[in-house]
């Protein structure tokens, strides 16, 4: 009799667990409201399918490394103090795009969108001021890097 009572309670518990696990209506843990309720409206919760990888992109896995001098500093200059750096994962195109290819693309943008939508062309122009730094003489790169023929490839 006792075994039968234990078996029945175990069976009822299993049925309740199965029915609660199969419930398709999700509820908010904060408010208790149902998500995506067609009758009462409310908060819409969408399913996340993950990031779509663009065409011809390769994932470069991130990680940590020690940047700077890792061996003994014989000259005691301390100009490359070692520090731990973390780099996040990112995607990179598997084919290299040279400056001349990108200038050709800009030419096409200007021909197609130049009169109607000039902001499309202007937004595609590269920022050549990234070469400018304090205490560094990089002005020739600022002025010539993108347009100068030596940097075409």
Foldseek 3Di string as FASTA:
>chain_A
DVVVVVVVVVVVVVVVVVVVVPDPWDADPVPRHTEPDPPPDDHHDDDDPDDDDDPQKDKDAWAKDWWFDPDDDPVPPPPTPIDIDTDHIDIDHPDDQFLQNLVVVLVVCCVPPVPPNVVVSVVSDDQLCVQDDPPDPRVVSSPPQNPPPVRRD
